[in-house]
Protein backbone atom coordinates (compact mmCIF):
# COMPACT_ATOMS: atom_id res chain seq x y z
CA MET A 1 29.24 -41.01 71.23
CA ASP A 2 30.65 -44.46 71.95
CA ILE A 3 29.99 -45.93 75.39
CA VAL A 4 33.51 -47.37 75.42
CA TRP A 5 34.90 -43.84 75.06
CA LEU A 6 32.98 -42.83 78.19
CA GLU A 7 34.25 -45.86 80.12
CA VAL A 8 37.86 -45.08 79.14
CA PHE A 9 37.38 -41.39 79.94
CA ARG A 10 35.97 -42.23 83.39
CA GLU A 11 38.87 -44.57 84.14
CA VAL A 12 41.47 -41.94 83.16
CA ALA A 13 39.66 -39.35 85.28
CA ARG A 14 39.57 -41.66 88.29
CA ARG A 15 43.25 -42.60 88.05
CA GLY A 16 44.66 -39.32 86.79
CA SER A 17 46.88 -41.13 84.31
CA PHE A 18 46.61 -42.60 80.83
CA THR A 19 49.13 -45.25 81.81
CA ALA A 20 47.28 -46.30 84.97
CA ALA A 21 43.96 -46.38 83.12
CA ALA A 22 45.50 -48.50 80.34
CA THR A 23 46.79 -50.99 82.92
CA ALA A 24 43.40 -51.20 84.68
CA LEU A 25 41.52 -51.64 81.40
CA ARG A 26 44.16 -53.94 79.88
CA TYR A 27 44.59 -51.62 76.91
CA THR A 28 47.74 -50.12 75.49
CA GLN A 29 48.43 -46.52 76.45
CA SER A 30 48.11 -45.50 72.80
CA ALA A 31 44.65 -47.10 72.61
CA VAL A 32 43.52 -45.11 75.65
CA SER A 33 44.91 -41.91 74.16
CA ARG A 34 43.15 -42.52 70.84
CA GLN A 35 39.77 -43.11 72.51
CA VAL A 36 40.02 -40.04 74.71
CA ALA A 37 41.04 -38.01 71.63
CA ALA A 38 38.04 -39.40 69.71
CA LEU A 39 35.70 -38.40 72.55
CA GLU A 40 37.20 -34.91 72.71
CA GLN A 41 36.72 -34.51 68.97
CA ASP A 42 33.13 -35.78 69.18
CA ILE A 43 32.08 -33.27 71.86
CA GLY A 44 34.36 -30.45 70.69
CA ALA A 45 36.11 -29.90 74.02
CA THR A 46 39.39 -30.66 75.73
CA LEU A 47 38.77 -32.99 78.65
CA PHE A 48 42.23 -33.20 80.24
CA ASP A 49 45.14 -30.92 80.81
CA ARG A 50 48.39 -32.82 80.43
CA VAL A 51 50.56 -32.26 83.52
CA PRO A 52 54.01 -33.67 84.43
CA ARG A 53 52.62 -36.48 86.59
CA GLY A 54 49.62 -37.43 84.48
CA VAL A 55 46.46 -35.60 83.52
CA ARG A 56 43.95 -33.28 85.22
CA LEU A 57 40.32 -32.70 84.30
CA THR A 58 39.42 -29.45 82.66
CA ASP A 59 36.16 -27.67 83.52
CA GLU A 60 34.56 -29.38 80.50
CA GLY A 61 36.00 -32.69 81.68
CA ARG A 62 34.52 -32.28 85.18
CA CYS A 63 31.15 -31.45 83.63
CA LEU A 64 31.21 -34.47 81.34
CA LEU A 65 32.41 -36.79 84.13
CA GLU A 66 29.27 -36.11 86.14
CA HIS A 67 27.09 -37.10 83.18
CA ALA A 68 29.31 -40.05 82.27
CA GLU A 69 29.01 -41.44 85.80
CA ALA A 70 25.20 -41.17 85.61
CA VAL A 71 24.99 -42.77 82.15
CA LEU A 72 27.39 -45.60 82.94
CA GLY A 73 25.73 -46.16 86.32
CA ARG A 74 22.35 -46.58 84.64
CA LEU A 75 23.86 -48.97 82.12
CA ASP A 76 25.39 -51.04 84.92
CA THR A 77 22.01 -51.15 86.66
CA ALA A 78 20.33 -52.19 83.40
CA ARG A 79 22.85 -54.99 82.91
CA ARG A 80 22.26 -56.25 86.46
CA ASP A 81 18.47 -56.07 86.06
CA LEU A 82 18.61 -57.94 82.76
CA ALA A 83 20.85 -60.58 84.29
CA ALA A 84 18.41 -60.95 87.20
CA LEU A 85 15.54 -61.53 84.79
CA ARG A 86 17.58 -64.02 82.80
CA ASP A 87 18.68 -65.85 85.95
CA LEU A 88 15.19 -65.63 87.55
CA ASP A 89 16.45 -63.55 90.46
CA ALA A 90 13.83 -60.84 89.84
CA GLY A 91 10.76 -60.05 87.80
CA ARG A 92 7.18 -61.32 87.85
CA LEU A 93 5.11 -64.15 86.43
CA ARG A 94 1.36 -63.62 85.90
CA ILE A 95 -0.46 -66.97 85.82
CA GLY A 96 -4.07 -67.72 84.87
CA ALA A 97 -6.03 -70.95 85.28
CA PHE A 98 -9.52 -72.41 85.15
CA ALA A 99 -11.17 -73.45 88.42
CA THR A 100 -10.23 -77.11 88.82
CA ALA A 101 -6.66 -76.54 87.65
CA ASP A 102 -6.45 -74.31 90.73
CA ALA A 103 -7.45 -77.19 92.97
CA GLU A 104 -3.98 -78.73 92.99
CA LEU A 105 -2.05 -78.63 89.72
CA VAL A 106 -1.33 -74.90 89.51
CA PRO A 107 -0.76 -74.25 93.25
CA ARG A 108 1.68 -77.15 93.44
CA ALA A 109 3.57 -75.91 90.39
CA MET A 110 3.64 -72.38 91.84
CA ALA A 111 5.04 -73.68 95.12
CA THR A 112 7.85 -75.47 93.30
CA PHE A 113 8.65 -72.38 91.24
CA HIS A 114 8.62 -70.13 94.32
CA ALA A 115 10.97 -72.46 96.20
CA GLU A 116 13.44 -72.29 93.31
CA HIS A 117 13.06 -68.59 92.51
CA PRO A 118 11.74 -66.72 95.57
CA ASN A 119 12.55 -63.29 94.15
CA VAL A 120 10.17 -63.67 91.19
CA VAL A 121 6.75 -62.26 92.15
CA LEU A 122 3.94 -64.69 91.27
CA SER A 123 0.27 -63.83 90.77
CA LEU A 124 -2.72 -66.04 89.95
CA GLU A 125 -5.99 -65.15 88.22
CA GLU A 126 -8.90 -67.61 87.87
CA ASP A 127 -11.28 -67.41 84.91
CA LEU A 128 -12.96 -69.39 82.16
CA SER A 129 -10.60 -70.64 79.48
CA PRO A 130 -11.80 -68.32 76.63
CA GLN A 131 -11.33 -65.32 78.92
CA LEU A 132 -7.88 -66.52 79.91
CA VAL A 133 -6.87 -66.72 76.25
CA SER A 134 -8.19 -63.18 75.68
CA ARG A 135 -6.15 -61.94 78.62
CA LEU A 136 -3.04 -63.59 77.21
CA ARG A 137 -3.58 -61.70 73.95
CA ALA A 138 -4.03 -58.46 75.91
CA VAL A 139 -0.68 -59.14 77.67
CA GLU A 140 -2.46 -59.24 81.04
CA LEU A 141 -1.13 -62.76 81.70
CA ASP A 142 2.15 -64.50 80.88
CA ILE A 143 0.91 -68.10 80.93
CA ALA A 144 -2.44 -69.80 81.53
CA VAL A 145 -3.74 -73.32 82.10
CA VAL A 146 -6.84 -73.83 79.95
CA SER A 147 -9.16 -76.70 79.07
CA VAL A 148 -11.09 -77.86 76.02
CA PRO A 149 -14.04 -80.22 76.59
CA PRO A 150 -14.67 -82.99 74.04
CA GLY A 151 -16.29 -81.75 70.84
CA ARG A 152 -15.46 -78.11 71.51
CA SER A 153 -12.70 -75.80 70.38
CA LEU A 154 -10.83 -72.77 71.59
CA ASP A 155 -9.83 -69.69 69.59
CA THR A 156 -6.06 -69.85 69.80
CA GLU A 157 -5.05 -67.09 67.40
CA ASP A 158 -1.76 -65.55 68.60
CA VAL A 159 -1.54 -68.18 71.35
CA ASP A 160 0.52 -71.38 71.48
CA LEU A 161 -0.89 -74.43 73.29
CA VAL A 162 1.29 -77.00 75.02
CA HIS A 163 -0.61 -80.17 75.89
CA LEU A 164 -0.36 -81.12 79.56
CA LEU A 165 -2.86 -83.93 80.06
CA ASP A 166 -6.27 -85.39 79.24
CA ASP A 167 -8.51 -85.07 82.29
CA PRO A 168 -11.17 -87.75 82.89
CA MET A 169 -14.52 -87.04 84.50
CA MET A 170 -15.39 -88.84 87.75
CA VAL A 171 -18.55 -88.73 89.86
CA ALA A 172 -18.97 -87.70 93.50
CA ILE A 173 -21.68 -89.56 95.43
CA PRO A 174 -22.77 -89.64 99.09
CA ARG A 175 -21.28 -92.38 101.25
CA GLU A 176 -24.69 -93.97 101.70
CA HIS A 177 -25.43 -94.02 97.96
CA ARG A 178 -26.80 -97.29 96.59
CA LEU A 179 -23.67 -97.66 94.39
CA ALA A 180 -21.21 -96.88 97.18
CA ARG A 181 -19.59 -100.32 96.97
CA ARG A 182 -18.95 -100.13 93.27
CA ARG A 183 -15.52 -99.14 91.93
CA THR A 184 -16.88 -98.12 88.54
CA VAL A 185 -20.36 -96.82 87.73
CA ARG A 186 -22.40 -96.37 84.55
CA LEU A 187 -24.07 -93.03 83.82
CA ALA A 188 -27.30 -94.80 82.96
CA GLU A 189 -27.41 -95.97 86.58
CA LEU A 190 -27.29 -92.35 87.78
CA LEU A 191 -29.95 -90.74 85.58
CA ASP A 192 -32.61 -91.01 88.29
CA ASP A 193 -30.42 -89.25 90.86
CA HIS A 194 -30.66 -85.58 91.69
CA TRP A 195 -27.69 -83.79 90.17
CA VAL A 196 -25.72 -80.80 91.43
CA ALA A 197 -24.26 -78.50 88.78
CA GLY A 198 -23.07 -74.95 88.25
CA TRP A 199 -25.60 -74.14 85.54
CA PRO A 200 -29.28 -75.10 85.07
CA ASP A 201 -28.86 -76.30 81.49
CA PRO A 202 -26.87 -79.56 81.31
CA ARG A 203 -25.46 -78.51 77.96
CA ASP A 204 -23.54 -75.69 79.69
CA THR A 205 -21.98 -77.89 82.38
CA LEU A 206 -19.41 -80.63 82.75
CA ILE A 207 -22.30 -83.08 82.42
CA ALA A 208 -22.44 -82.30 78.71
CA THR A 209 -18.94 -83.70 78.30
CA ALA A 210 -19.95 -87.03 79.80
CA LEU A 211 -23.54 -87.86 78.94
CA PRO A 212 -24.46 -89.46 75.64
CA SER A 213 -26.52 -87.30 73.32
CA GLY A 214 -30.18 -87.13 74.30
CA LEU A 215 -29.73 -88.06 77.95
CA ARG A 216 -30.70 -85.24 80.31
CA PRO A 217 -30.38 -85.76 84.07
CA GLU A 218 -32.40 -83.73 86.54
CA ILE A 219 -30.33 -80.85 87.84
CA ARG A 220 -31.93 -80.23 91.21
CA TYR A 221 -29.37 -77.86 92.71
CA VAL A 222 -27.48 -75.11 90.87
CA VAL A 223 -24.45 -73.74 92.71
CA PRO A 224 -21.27 -72.34 91.11
CA GLY A 225 -18.65 -73.25 93.72
CA TRP A 226 -17.05 -76.62 94.36
CA THR A 227 -17.36 -76.22 98.12
CA ALA A 228 -21.15 -75.91 97.87
CA LYS A 229 -21.45 -78.70 95.30
CA LEU A 230 -19.54 -81.21 97.38
CA GLY A 231 -21.33 -80.04 100.51
CA LEU A 232 -24.67 -80.93 98.91
CA VAL A 233 -23.28 -84.31 97.90
CA ALA A 234 -22.03 -84.98 101.42
CA ALA A 235 -25.49 -84.11 102.78
CA GLY A 236 -27.00 -86.77 100.54
CA LEU A 237 -28.88 -84.26 98.39
CA GLY A 238 -27.40 -85.18 95.02
CA ILE A 239 -24.40 -86.22 92.97
CA THR A 240 -22.02 -84.24 90.78
CA LEU A 241 -19.27 -84.77 88.25
CA VAL A 242 -15.74 -84.07 89.41
CA PRO A 243 -12.79 -83.63 87.03
CA GLY A 244 -9.84 -85.86 87.78
CA LEU A 245 -7.76 -82.74 88.50
CA ALA A 246 -10.00 -81.93 91.45
CA ALA A 247 -10.62 -85.47 92.72
CA SER A 248 -7.70 -85.46 95.15
CA THR A 249 -9.04 -82.37 96.93
CA ALA A 250 -12.54 -83.76 97.54
CA ARG A 251 -13.74 -83.90 101.13
CA ALA A 252 -13.42 -87.14 103.07
CA ASP A 253 -17.16 -87.62 103.70
CA ILE A 254 -18.01 -88.30 100.04
CA LEU A 255 -16.98 -90.98 97.56
CA ILE A 256 -15.32 -90.38 94.19
CA LYS A 257 -16.13 -93.09 91.66
CA ARG A 258 -14.69 -93.81 88.26
CA LEU A 259 -17.05 -93.73 85.31
CA HIS A 260 -17.06 -96.62 82.88
CA ARG A 261 -14.67 -95.93 80.02
CA ASP A 262 -17.54 -96.12 77.52
CA ASP A 263 -19.50 -93.46 79.38
CA THR A 264 -17.16 -90.53 79.45
CA ASP A 265 -14.59 -88.78 77.35
CA VAL A 266 -11.74 -86.61 78.59
CA ARG A 267 -11.16 -82.90 78.31
CA ALA A 268 -7.78 -81.73 77.10
CA VAL A 269 -5.76 -79.46 79.39
CA TYR A 270 -3.12 -77.15 77.97
CA ALA A 271 -0.64 -74.53 79.01
CA ALA A 272 -1.34 -71.47 76.85
CA ILE A 273 1.34 -68.88 76.14
CA PRO A 274 1.40 -65.84 73.84
CA VAL A 275 3.13 -66.38 70.52
CA ARG A 276 6.62 -64.87 70.86
CA THR A 277 9.94 -65.32 69.13
CA THR A 278 11.49 -66.15 72.49
CA GLN A 279 9.58 -66.94 75.67
CA PRO A 280 10.78 -65.19 78.87
CA PRO A 281 12.89 -67.40 81.16
CA ALA A 282 10.21 -67.39 83.88
CA VAL A 283 7.58 -68.68 81.44
CA GLN A 284 9.94 -71.37 80.13
CA ARG A 285 10.76 -72.56 83.64
CA PHE A 286 7.13 -72.56 84.86
CA LEU A 287 6.08 -74.54 81.80
CA ARG A 288 8.67 -77.22 82.60
CA ILE A 289 7.50 -77.30 86.22
CA LEU A 290 3.87 -77.70 85.09
CA THR A 291 4.87 -80.69 82.97
CA ASP A 292 6.74 -82.27 85.89
CA THR A 293 3.80 -81.62 88.24
CA VAL A 294 1.43 -83.37 85.83
CA ARG A 295 3.66 -86.45 85.96
CA GLU A 296 3.59 -86.36 89.77
CA LEU A 297 -0.20 -86.02 89.90
CA ARG A 298 -0.61 -88.76 87.32
CA ALA A 299 1.46 -91.14 89.44
CA GLU A 300 -0.50 -90.24 92.56
CA LEU A 301 -3.84 -90.67 90.80
CA THR A 302 -2.71 -94.07 89.55
CA ARG A 303 -1.97 -95.16 93.12
CA ARG A 304 -5.27 -93.80 94.44
CA SER A 305 -7.52 -94.99 91.63
CA PRO A 306 -5.97 -97.27 88.99
CA GLY A 307 -7.56 -96.80 85.60
CA ALA A 308 -8.64 -93.20 86.23
CA VAL A 309 -5.32 -91.71 85.22
CA ALA A 310 -5.27 -88.32 83.51
CA ARG A 311 -3.72 -89.58 80.28
CA LEU A 312 -0.97 -87.73 78.46
CA SER A 313 -1.66 -87.30 74.74
CA ASN A 314 -2.53 -84.68 72.15
CA ALA A 315 -5.46 -82.44 72.21
CA GLY A 316 -6.61 -77.50 75.68
CA ALA A 317 -12.54 -74.03 76.63
CA GLY A 318 -14.35 -72.89 79.21
CA GLU A 319 -15.53 -74.65 82.28
CA ARG A 320 -18.83 -74.21 83.99
CA GLY A 321 -19.20 -76.88 86.63
């Protein structure tokens, strides 16, 4: 059964005339007659009685009209829903990110997206990068911001990575620290300090991405959250590494210092998306907004701390602070 036949049938039924239906549909009267005849032949029933002033539905016609209205109504709804998804007037976008990407980059990008497309429902899940990639594969997320520390890799089977930035490590120190007046510090000058980290083994923390091989600082305090880490720094109890992505959100009673360029590498930050023939419009738009937000943050970081810019280049795994 052809959908066009149903649309023509419904129009004839509504107007009670082949001629009026042909005018409304911009068909010839013979074309309308042929399509109604084809529908009648397909279902094996006469749908209209021909009367002097037009046509009148038969019992079979009234029965079919009820179903035709339901079918065509659902198709109209489907077309509207699909158009809303295409035009970002409806739908959802499930976002994932690692911890420091949630400090500013992802929330700012989400705010921009929401301002443009308020009818798209956004959600945010925070996790380690390998888990975020697994959730992309399981279709639990639509897009994720992930990181890859220097010398490590990420299993990206069935996932595409779009490079966003290279994120430098910086160091948070108390205001009364002996190096407080310095703009740039060397890691060797900090080895005697007490360190704050999210894991007792330096090899499992951000410290491993910065320290030369063989150097092991004393991790005095182990706390997983950034609030607690920076609180300990502010109290003068230790120092901690801070990714450039999180530097702008640090509290005012601590100092963020650049590390000497010979003392630290950068971790690559990527947007990760499932491999698809065509990405959904919401994913495409959010990816563009992420890229624009990186440019904005890069410009702001340049103004705040020249030389500590999160550099754009090629390179996107888990983070344990």
